Amino acid sequence: MIGNCLTTSIGSLPFRDVKEAIDLVSLSTPHIPAWPQLPQIPEERMIVQFTEGMPGLKREEGKVFFDTSSPDFEATLLTFYEDYLAAIDDNSPLHLEKFRITPQYSRGIPALVERLPAMPSVQAIKGQVTGPFTLATGLTDQEKKIAYYHRELHDVVVKTICLKLKWQVRQFKQFGLPLIFFIDEPGLAGFGSSAFISISVENVRNDLNEVIKLIHSEHALAGIHCCENTDWSIILTTDVDVINFDAYGFFHRLVLYENELKAFIKREGVLAWGIVPTSSAHDVEKENVDSLADRWRNEVEQLQSKGIQLNQIVRQSLITPSCGVGSLAPDIARKVFSLLSGLSERLRKDYASEA
């Protein structure tokens, strides 16, 4: 299991130049690099980036939506499921390639593939995908009905995510390193609100477990990233291996789920501490390695007070930014990654005997 206070990142960076992005990733997260997402480019925004290959999807005036009224929708839906079954059940590379993430929608994947041979310290490779709750509540049909509430579209979203992950595995398995894939679910911060009152805990958990099952079938580790706060009992009771949470702003909310958290750690689950702030330039500017190390120690002591051993916490911890940095100014994003690298180095030095 990957841990020991190594670093990785969430994905999004505020650059349009992929070389600038991959240089920062390789310098600051040399042990577990993630391919960079560039949301300044429209095709790489969270709700759009993983939509290639979805049946009935239309793009008009910068908007993406399903058109279920199209005369050929049912035919394209049938073809989608035929391709899905061939790609997943029969491992057909030809059918899986229909759901590739093209360079137009991700400059970061080929950039990381190209850079990896020159990164001798890499211990694992991280990929990511927008999660089923966030993506299915972010897409609509032609009448602006949320895809999550449309049975066929909901299923298409979940299965497309699985296909995108399987395709990513094919890009990175050539390096013979452990693979980690984060399911990015910022939308879960709104779960339980009036907007999603009819969505059940069980539905959310089942969707996540379907994606996690695909990741595990590819012999990779599954992580879930949720910034801000959510009902952590949902995530903690999935089959996930890594939970990435905003430890800078919301640790006090996560720790309320004591029993679920202890059970997760007991089964060797990894906590990816989003301890480096990203929510505002002010927070980034006021912090330094010492202040963040103190914050992390304080939070670790709270876990210890609940009977969790220090060596177990250290062994099962990663250090990350609290969220992506795609909306920050480039110089602030660079400071986030500098803090990330420095903090990891400090913690690994201070807690080497515990690892």
Protein backbone atom coordinates (compact mmCIF):
# COMPACT_ATOMS: atom_id res chain seq x y z
CA MET A 1 0.00 0.00 0.00
CA ILE A 2 1.25 3.49 -0.88
CA GLY A 3 1.58 5.90 2.06
CA ASN A 4 4.38 7.07 4.35
CA CYS A 5 3.50 10.74 3.78
CA LEU A 6 4.43 10.73 0.10
CA THR A 7 2.80 13.38 -2.08
CA THR A 8 0.41 13.33 -4.96
CA SER A 9 -1.90 15.96 -6.44
CA ILE A 10 -5.57 16.24 -7.33
CA GLY A 11 -5.00 16.98 -10.99
CA SER A 12 -6.10 20.44 -12.12
CA LEU A 13 -3.50 23.16 -12.77
CA PRO A 14 -3.99 26.76 -13.97
CA PHE A 15 -1.87 26.50 -17.12
CA ARG A 16 -2.62 26.16 -20.80
CA ASP A 17 0.91 24.96 -21.58
CA VAL A 18 1.13 21.26 -20.75
CA LYS A 19 4.93 21.36 -20.49
CA GLU A 20 4.67 23.96 -17.74
CA ALA A 21 2.19 21.70 -15.97
CA ILE A 22 4.16 18.47 -16.30
CA ASP A 23 7.35 20.22 -15.16
CA LEU A 24 5.63 21.26 -11.93
CA VAL A 25 4.15 17.78 -11.38
CA SER A 26 7.46 15.99 -11.91
CA LEU A 27 9.37 18.40 -9.68
CA SER A 28 6.95 18.54 -6.74
CA THR A 29 5.38 15.07 -6.76
CA PRO A 30 8.20 12.84 -8.00
CA HIS A 31 7.02 9.71 -6.20
CA ILE A 32 3.33 9.60 -7.19
CA PRO A 33 2.81 11.94 -10.16
CA ALA A 34 -0.70 12.57 -11.47
CA TRP A 35 -1.41 13.52 -15.05
CA PRO A 36 -2.31 17.23 -15.10
CA GLN A 37 -5.76 18.51 -16.03
CA LEU A 38 -5.88 21.96 -17.63
CA PRO A 39 -9.39 23.39 -17.05
CA GLN A 40 -8.35 26.71 -18.63
CA ILE A 41 -8.90 24.73 -21.84
CA PRO A 42 -12.68 24.18 -22.31
CA GLU A 43 -12.41 20.50 -23.26
CA GLU A 44 -10.54 19.76 -20.03
CA ARG A 45 -13.14 21.10 -17.63
CA MET A 46 -14.49 18.63 -15.09
CA ILE A 47 -17.92 17.98 -16.61
CA VAL A 48 -16.66 17.82 -20.19
CA GLN A 49 -13.34 16.00 -20.07
CA PHE A 50 -14.67 12.45 -19.73
CA THR A 51 -17.72 12.68 -22.01
CA GLU A 52 -16.24 11.50 -25.32
CA GLY A 53 -18.08 8.43 -26.56
CA MET A 54 -21.31 8.99 -24.63
CA PRO A 55 -24.36 8.21 -26.79
CA GLY A 56 -26.65 11.07 -27.73
CA LEU A 57 -24.31 13.76 -26.45
CA LYS A 58 -24.39 17.12 -28.23
CA ARG A 59 -22.15 20.14 -28.00
CA GLU A 60 -23.66 23.51 -28.79
CA GLU A 61 -22.29 26.96 -27.99
CA GLY A 62 -19.89 25.57 -25.41
CA LYS A 63 -22.56 23.49 -23.68
CA VAL A 64 -22.72 19.71 -23.48
CA PHE A 65 -26.00 17.84 -23.05
CA PHE A 66 -27.79 14.62 -23.98
CA ASP A 67 -30.39 14.77 -26.73
CA THR A 68 -32.67 11.82 -26.06
CA SER A 69 -35.15 13.16 -28.61
CA SER A 70 -32.76 12.52 -31.48
CA PRO A 71 -34.11 9.90 -33.94
CA ASP A 72 -30.90 7.88 -33.64
CA PHE A 73 -30.62 7.99 -29.84
CA GLU A 74 -31.86 4.43 -29.24
CA ALA A 75 -29.54 3.07 -31.94
CA THR A 76 -26.51 4.87 -30.51
CA LEU A 77 -27.46 3.68 -27.02
CA LEU A 78 -27.54 0.07 -28.23
CA THR A 79 -24.16 0.48 -29.90
CA PHE A 80 -22.77 1.97 -26.68
CA TYR A 81 -23.76 -1.09 -24.66
CA GLU A 82 -22.39 -3.46 -27.29
CA ASP A 83 -19.07 -1.63 -27.19
CA TYR A 84 -19.12 -1.51 -23.39
CA LEU A 85 -19.63 -5.27 -23.08
CA ALA A 86 -16.92 -5.99 -25.64
CA ALA A 87 -14.46 -3.66 -23.90
CA ILE A 88 -15.20 -4.76 -20.32
CA ASP A 89 -16.15 -8.42 -20.60
CA ASP A 90 -14.09 -9.41 -23.64
CA ASN A 91 -11.19 -6.97 -23.07
CA SER A 92 -11.40 -5.85 -26.68
CA PRO A 93 -8.80 -3.13 -27.28
CA LEU A 94 -10.60 -2.10 -30.45
CA HIS A 95 -13.85 -1.38 -28.63
CA LEU A 96 -12.11 0.22 -25.65
CA GLU A 97 -10.31 2.60 -27.97
CA LYS A 98 -13.68 4.09 -28.90
CA PHE A 99 -13.72 5.56 -25.41
CA ARG A 100 -10.17 6.87 -25.33
CA ILE A 101 -9.47 10.29 -23.87
CA THR A 102 -8.08 12.03 -26.92
CA PRO A 103 -5.31 14.64 -26.74
CA GLN A 104 -7.93 17.29 -27.45
CA TYR A 105 -9.54 16.42 -24.12
CA SER A 106 -6.37 15.64 -22.17
CA ARG A 107 -2.95 16.97 -23.01
CA GLY A 108 -1.76 15.73 -19.63
CA ILE A 109 -2.02 11.98 -20.18
CA PRO A 110 0.40 11.75 -23.14
CA ALA A 111 2.64 14.32 -21.44
CA LEU A 112 2.98 12.15 -18.33
CA VAL A 113 3.49 8.99 -20.39
CA GLU A 114 6.33 10.75 -22.20
CA ARG A 115 7.90 12.15 -19.01
CA LEU A 116 7.75 9.03 -16.81
CA PRO A 117 10.90 7.33 -18.19
CA ALA A 118 12.88 10.37 -16.99
CA MET A 119 11.44 10.19 -13.45
CA PRO A 120 13.53 7.62 -11.53
CA SER A 121 11.85 8.19 -8.16
CA VAL A 122 8.33 7.22 -9.20
CA GLN A 123 6.75 4.62 -6.91
CA ALA A 124 3.20 4.77 -8.28
CA ILE A 125 1.22 6.58 -10.98
CA LYS A 126 -2.03 8.43 -10.31
CA GLY A 127 -4.91 9.00 -12.69
CA GLN A 128 -8.34 10.46 -12.07
CA VAL A 129 -11.87 10.69 -13.39
CA THR A 130 -14.91 12.77 -12.53
CA GLY A 131 -17.09 10.69 -10.22
CA PRO A 132 -20.56 9.35 -11.03
CA PHE A 133 -22.47 11.64 -8.68
CA THR A 134 -20.69 14.80 -9.84
CA LEU A 135 -20.86 13.93 -13.53
CA ALA A 136 -24.44 12.62 -13.56
CA THR A 137 -25.72 15.67 -11.67
CA GLY A 138 -23.66 18.01 -13.85
CA LEU A 139 -25.04 16.76 -17.18
CA THR A 140 -28.62 17.23 -18.39
CA ASP A 141 -30.79 16.20 -21.30
CA GLN A 142 -32.23 18.58 -23.91
CA GLU A 143 -34.99 19.61 -21.49
CA LYS A 144 -32.48 20.35 -18.72
CA LYS A 145 -33.46 17.28 -16.73
CA ILE A 146 -30.46 16.15 -14.68
CA ALA A 147 -28.96 12.95 -16.08
CA TYR A 148 -28.87 11.37 -12.63
CA TYR A 149 -32.68 11.23 -12.63
CA HIS A 150 -32.84 9.66 -16.10
CA ARG A 151 -32.37 5.91 -15.67
CA GLU A 152 -30.65 5.27 -19.01
CA LEU A 153 -28.44 8.35 -18.89
CA HIS A 154 -27.46 7.68 -15.29
CA ASP A 155 -26.25 4.21 -16.26
CA VAL A 156 -24.44 5.55 -19.32
CA VAL A 157 -22.52 8.02 -17.14
CA VAL A 158 -21.40 5.34 -14.67
CA LYS A 159 -20.34 2.93 -17.40
CA THR A 160 -18.51 5.62 -19.37
CA ILE A 161 -16.50 6.44 -16.26
CA CYS A 162 -15.55 2.77 -16.00
CA LEU A 163 -14.45 2.74 -19.64
CA LYS A 164 -12.36 5.89 -19.20
CA LEU A 165 -10.60 4.31 -16.23
CA LYS A 166 -9.93 1.06 -18.04
CA TRP A 167 -8.48 3.03 -20.94
CA GLN A 168 -6.21 4.95 -18.55
CA VAL A 169 -4.92 1.67 -17.13
CA ARG A 170 -3.87 0.66 -20.64
CA GLN A 171 -1.81 3.84 -20.98
CA PHE A 172 0.10 3.44 -17.74
CA LYS A 173 0.45 -0.28 -17.07
CA GLN A 174 3.44 -0.45 -19.44
CA PHE A 175 5.59 1.07 -16.67
CA GLY A 176 5.04 -1.86 -14.31
CA LEU A 177 4.23 0.38 -11.32
CA PRO A 178 1.29 0.44 -8.91
CA LEU A 179 -1.61 2.50 -10.27
CA ILE A 180 -3.97 4.68 -8.23
CA PHE A 181 -7.13 6.25 -9.65
CA PHE A 182 -9.06 8.91 -7.81
CA ILE A 183 -12.79 9.27 -8.34
CA ASP A 184 -13.26 13.04 -8.02
CA GLU A 185 -16.56 13.81 -6.30
CA PRO A 186 -16.73 17.52 -5.40
CA GLY A 187 -20.46 17.33 -6.10
CA LEU A 188 -20.94 15.22 -2.97
CA ALA A 189 -20.50 18.39 -0.94
CA GLY A 190 -24.09 19.12 -1.99
CA PHE A 191 -25.44 15.66 -1.18
CA GLY A 192 -28.36 15.83 1.23
CA SER A 193 -29.33 19.35 0.18
CA SER A 194 -32.81 20.14 -1.12
CA ALA A 195 -31.52 19.91 -4.69
CA PHE A 196 -30.73 16.20 -4.26
CA ILE A 197 -33.19 15.19 -1.54
CA SER A 198 -34.54 12.24 -3.54
CA ILE A 199 -31.11 10.63 -4.06
CA SER A 200 -30.48 7.84 -1.57
CA VAL A 201 -27.29 6.95 0.23
CA GLU A 202 -27.50 3.45 -1.21
CA ASN A 203 -27.67 4.73 -4.80
CA VAL A 204 -24.60 6.90 -4.32
CA ARG A 205 -22.68 4.07 -2.66
CA ASN A 206 -23.65 1.57 -5.35
CA ASP A 207 -22.46 3.86 -8.14
CA LEU A 208 -19.13 4.42 -6.41
CA ASN A 209 -18.68 0.71 -5.77
CA GLU A 210 -19.36 -0.08 -9.44
CA VAL A 211 -16.51 2.21 -10.44
CA ILE A 212 -14.27 0.93 -7.63
CA LYS A 213 -14.95 -2.65 -8.71
CA LEU A 214 -13.71 -1.81 -12.21
CA ILE A 215 -10.53 -0.25 -10.80
CA HIS A 216 -9.89 -3.29 -8.60
CA SER A 217 -10.47 -5.62 -11.53
CA GLU A 218 -7.54 -3.88 -13.21
CA HIS A 219 -5.36 -4.55 -10.13
CA ALA A 220 -5.21 -0.85 -9.28
CA LEU A 221 -6.04 1.11 -6.14
CA ALA A 222 -9.18 3.24 -5.94
CA GLY A 223 -9.37 6.61 -4.22
CA ILE A 224 -12.21 9.05 -3.70
CA HIS A 225 -11.58 12.79 -3.54
CA CYS A 226 -14.17 15.07 -2.00
CA CYS A 227 -13.31 18.64 -1.13
CA GLU A 228 -15.27 20.48 1.55
CA ASN A 229 -17.68 18.39 3.59
CA THR A 230 -20.09 15.54 2.88
CA ASP A 231 -21.71 12.56 4.56
CA TRP A 232 -18.43 10.76 5.11
CA SER A 233 -20.17 7.57 6.19
CA ILE A 234 -21.03 6.97 2.53
CA ILE A 235 -17.43 7.14 1.34
CA LEU A 236 -15.93 5.36 4.34
CA THR A 237 -18.22 2.37 3.81
CA THR A 238 -17.50 1.87 0.12
CA ASP A 239 -14.77 -0.52 -1.03
CA VAL A 240 -12.37 2.39 -1.60
CA ASP A 241 -8.66 2.14 -0.75
CA VAL A 242 -7.79 5.84 -0.40
CA ILE A 243 -9.89 8.72 0.92
CA ASN A 244 -8.73 12.21 -0.06
CA PHE A 245 -10.28 14.89 2.16
CA ASP A 246 -9.80 18.58 2.91
CA ALA A 247 -7.78 18.23 6.10
CA TYR A 248 -7.07 21.96 6.10
CA GLY A 249 -10.68 23.06 6.40
CA PHE A 250 -12.82 20.05 7.28
CA PHE A 251 -10.87 17.55 9.38
CA HIS A 252 -13.19 18.32 12.30
CA ARG A 253 -16.13 17.06 10.22
CA LEU A 254 -14.47 13.84 9.07
CA VAL A 255 -13.34 12.88 12.58
CA LEU A 256 -16.96 12.88 13.74
CA TYR A 257 -17.39 9.55 11.92
CA GLU A 258 -15.21 7.79 14.46
CA ASN A 259 -16.40 4.22 14.06
CA GLU A 260 -16.37 4.26 10.26
CA LEU A 261 -12.98 5.98 10.22
CA LYS A 262 -11.43 3.45 12.59
CA ALA A 263 -12.85 0.58 10.55
CA PHE A 264 -11.44 2.10 7.35
CA ILE A 265 -7.97 2.44 8.85
CA LYS A 266 -8.16 -1.05 10.36
CA ARG A 267 -8.66 -2.52 6.88
CA GLU A 268 -5.49 -0.73 5.71
CA GLY A 269 -7.28 2.20 4.10
CA VAL A 270 -5.10 5.20 3.27
CA LEU A 271 -5.90 8.76 4.31
CA ALA A 272 -4.79 11.31 1.71
CA TRP A 273 -4.58 14.48 3.78
CA GLY A 274 -5.49 17.60 1.79
CA ILE A 275 -3.56 19.68 4.28
CA VAL A 276 -2.14 22.29 1.89
CA PRO A 277 -4.86 24.93 1.36
CA THR A 278 -6.20 25.80 -2.07
CA SER A 279 -9.47 27.60 -1.36
CA SER A 280 -7.96 31.09 -1.39
CA ALA A 281 -4.71 32.85 -2.17
CA HIS A 282 -4.80 34.35 1.32
CA ASP A 283 -4.67 30.92 2.97
CA VAL A 284 -1.84 29.80 0.72
CA GLU A 285 0.19 32.95 1.35
CA LYS A 286 -0.12 32.85 5.14
CA GLU A 287 1.03 29.23 5.53
CA ASN A 288 4.48 27.70 5.54
CA VAL A 289 5.92 24.23 6.04
CA ASP A 290 6.20 24.71 9.81
CA SER A 291 2.61 25.87 10.26
CA LEU A 292 1.23 23.05 8.12
CA ALA A 293 3.35 20.45 9.90
CA ASP A 294 1.98 21.72 13.22
CA ARG A 295 -1.57 21.50 11.89
CA TRP A 296 -1.01 17.94 10.68
CA ARG A 297 0.49 16.86 14.02
CA ASN A 298 -2.49 18.31 15.87
CA GLU A 299 -4.91 16.39 13.69
CA VAL A 300 -2.91 13.19 14.02
CA GLU A 301 -3.00 13.56 17.80
CA GLN A 302 -6.79 13.68 17.59
CA LEU A 303 -6.75 10.34 15.77
CA GLN A 304 -4.36 8.94 18.35
CA SER A 305 -6.75 9.99 21.12
CA LYS A 306 -9.30 7.68 19.50
CA GLY A 307 -6.98 4.70 19.80
CA ILE A 308 -5.35 4.76 16.36
CA GLN A 309 -1.61 4.09 16.51
CA LEU A 310 0.85 6.70 15.22
CA ASN A 311 2.82 4.23 13.13
CA GLN A 312 -0.35 3.08 11.44
CA ILE A 313 -1.39 6.66 10.65
CA VAL A 314 2.01 7.51 9.16
CA ARG A 315 2.21 4.30 7.15
CA GLN A 316 -1.29 4.87 5.75
CA SER A 317 -1.03 8.58 4.91
CA LEU A 318 -0.50 10.57 1.73
CA ILE A 319 -0.12 14.35 1.60
CA THR A 320 -2.00 16.36 -1.04
CA PRO A 321 -3.41 19.81 -1.72
CA SER A 322 -6.92 20.22 -0.32
CA CYS A 323 -8.29 20.43 -3.87
CA GLY A 324 -7.18 21.12 -7.41
CA VAL A 325 -5.47 24.43 -8.16
CA GLY A 326 -6.92 25.07 -11.61
CA SER A 327 -8.70 28.24 -10.50
CA LEU A 328 -5.71 29.78 -8.70
CA ALA A 329 -3.20 32.21 -10.17
CA PRO A 330 -0.14 30.35 -11.50
CA ASP A 331 2.24 31.79 -8.89
CA ILE A 332 -0.12 30.75 -6.08
CA ALA A 333 -0.45 27.27 -7.57
CA ARG A 334 3.32 26.97 -7.65
CA LYS A 335 3.48 27.90 -3.97
CA VAL A 336 0.89 25.21 -3.18
CA PHE A 337 3.14 22.63 -4.82
CA SER A 338 6.21 24.03 -3.08
CA LEU A 339 4.47 23.72 0.28
CA LEU A 340 3.33 20.23 -0.65
CA SER A 341 6.83 19.06 -1.47
CA GLY A 342 8.39 20.71 1.57
CA LEU A 343 5.77 19.41 3.97
CA SER A 344 6.11 15.84 2.73
CA GLU A 345 9.87 16.00 3.10
CA ARG A 346 9.52 17.36 6.66
CA LEU A 347 6.99 14.74 7.75
CA ARG A 348 8.94 11.86 6.23
CA LYS A 349 12.04 13.08 8.05
CA ASP A 350 10.28 13.59 11.38
CA TYR A 351 8.34 10.33 11.28
CA ALA A 352 10.75 8.02 9.46
CA SER A 353 10.97 5.74 12.48
CA GLU A 354 7.17 5.34 12.50
CA ALA A 355 6.82 4.34 8.87
